[in-house]
Amino acid sequence: ETGSEDIDILPNGLAFISSGLKYPGVKSLAPDKPGEIFLMDLNEDNPRAVELRISREFDLASFNPHGISTYVD
């Protein structure tokens, strides 16, 4: 609905997608909806993005993701 801002694909085919970026002064399609992180398994025949649950202690109301990156150890 609000579009994806960034994607990071791991070597194993899992993709993390940030969504919901809002810029001050720019019209938003969902101004009251917090940002989200999605997971997509690109190894599946019909991959689909699944919203990841974020900890309840996290301030979702102010979550405005701009970019995403992962660290593989």
Protein backbone atom coordinates (compact mmCIF):
# COMPACT_ATOMS: atom_id res chain seq x y z
CA GLU A 1 0.00 0.00 0.00
CA THR A 2 2.74 2.48 0.90
CA GLY A 3 5.53 0.96 -1.18
CA SER A 4 8.87 -0.49 -0.25
CA GLU A 5 11.84 1.70 0.57
CA ASP A 6 14.74 -0.78 0.46
CA ILE A 7 15.57 -4.48 0.19
CA ASP A 8 18.53 -6.57 1.36
CA ILE A 9 18.92 -10.12 0.05
CA LEU A 10 20.97 -12.64 2.02
CA PRO A 11 23.13 -15.29 0.28
CA ASN A 12 20.56 -17.96 1.27
CA GLY A 13 17.77 -16.22 -0.68
CA LEU A 14 15.94 -14.55 2.20
CA ALA A 15 15.02 -10.94 1.47
CA PHE A 16 14.30 -8.29 4.11
CA ILE A 17 12.20 -5.37 2.89
CA SER A 18 11.63 -2.05 4.65
CA SER A 19 8.39 -0.22 3.96
CA GLY A 20 6.48 2.83 5.09
CA LEU A 21 9.00 5.67 4.78
CA LYS A 22 7.37 9.08 5.18
CA TYR A 23 8.98 12.40 4.29
CA PRO A 24 7.88 15.59 6.05
CA GLY A 25 5.77 17.74 3.75
CA VAL A 26 5.17 14.92 1.22
CA LYS A 27 1.70 13.37 0.97
CA SER A 28 1.55 9.84 2.35
CA LEU A 29 -0.98 7.20 1.28
CA ALA A 30 -1.10 5.91 4.88
CA PRO A 31 -0.02 8.76 7.18
CA ASP A 32 -1.06 7.01 10.41
CA LYS A 33 0.41 3.60 9.57
CA PRO A 34 3.83 2.85 11.10
CA GLY A 35 6.69 1.48 9.05
CA GLU A 36 7.09 -2.26 8.57
CA ILE A 37 9.72 -4.90 7.84
CA PHE A 38 8.81 -7.82 5.57
CA LEU A 39 10.55 -11.14 4.89
CA MET A 40 10.42 -12.91 1.54
CA ASP A 41 11.94 -16.30 0.73
CA LEU A 42 13.09 -16.02 -2.88
CA ASN A 43 13.69 -19.80 -2.99
CA GLU A 44 9.94 -20.46 -3.02
CA ASP A 45 8.07 -21.05 -6.28
CA ASN A 46 5.65 -18.22 -5.49
CA PRO A 47 7.44 -15.99 -2.98
CA ARG A 48 5.32 -13.55 -1.00
CA ALA A 49 6.23 -10.90 1.51
CA VAL A 50 5.30 -11.67 5.12
CA GLU A 51 5.24 -8.89 7.71
CA LEU A 52 7.63 -9.54 10.58
CA ARG A 53 6.29 -9.01 14.07
CA ILE A 54 8.21 -6.32 15.93
CA SER A 55 8.70 -6.49 19.70
CA ARG A 56 5.98 -4.78 21.73
CA GLU A 57 8.61 -2.79 23.61
CA PHE A 58 9.58 -1.07 20.35
CA ASP A 59 8.02 2.34 19.63
CA LEU A 60 6.10 1.42 16.47
CA ALA A 61 4.33 4.78 16.28
CA SER A 62 7.61 6.48 15.37
CA PHE A 63 9.02 3.67 13.19
CA ASN A 64 9.89 5.29 9.85
CA PRO A 65 12.44 2.96 8.19
CA HIS A 66 14.81 4.50 5.66
CA GLY A 67 16.93 1.69 4.25
CA ILE A 68 17.84 -1.70 5.61
CA SER A 69 21.00 -3.73 5.87
CA THR A 70 21.95 -7.06 7.38
CA TYR A 71 25.08 -8.46 8.95
CA VAL A 72 25.91 -12.13 8.43
CA ASP A 73 28.45 -13.61 10.86
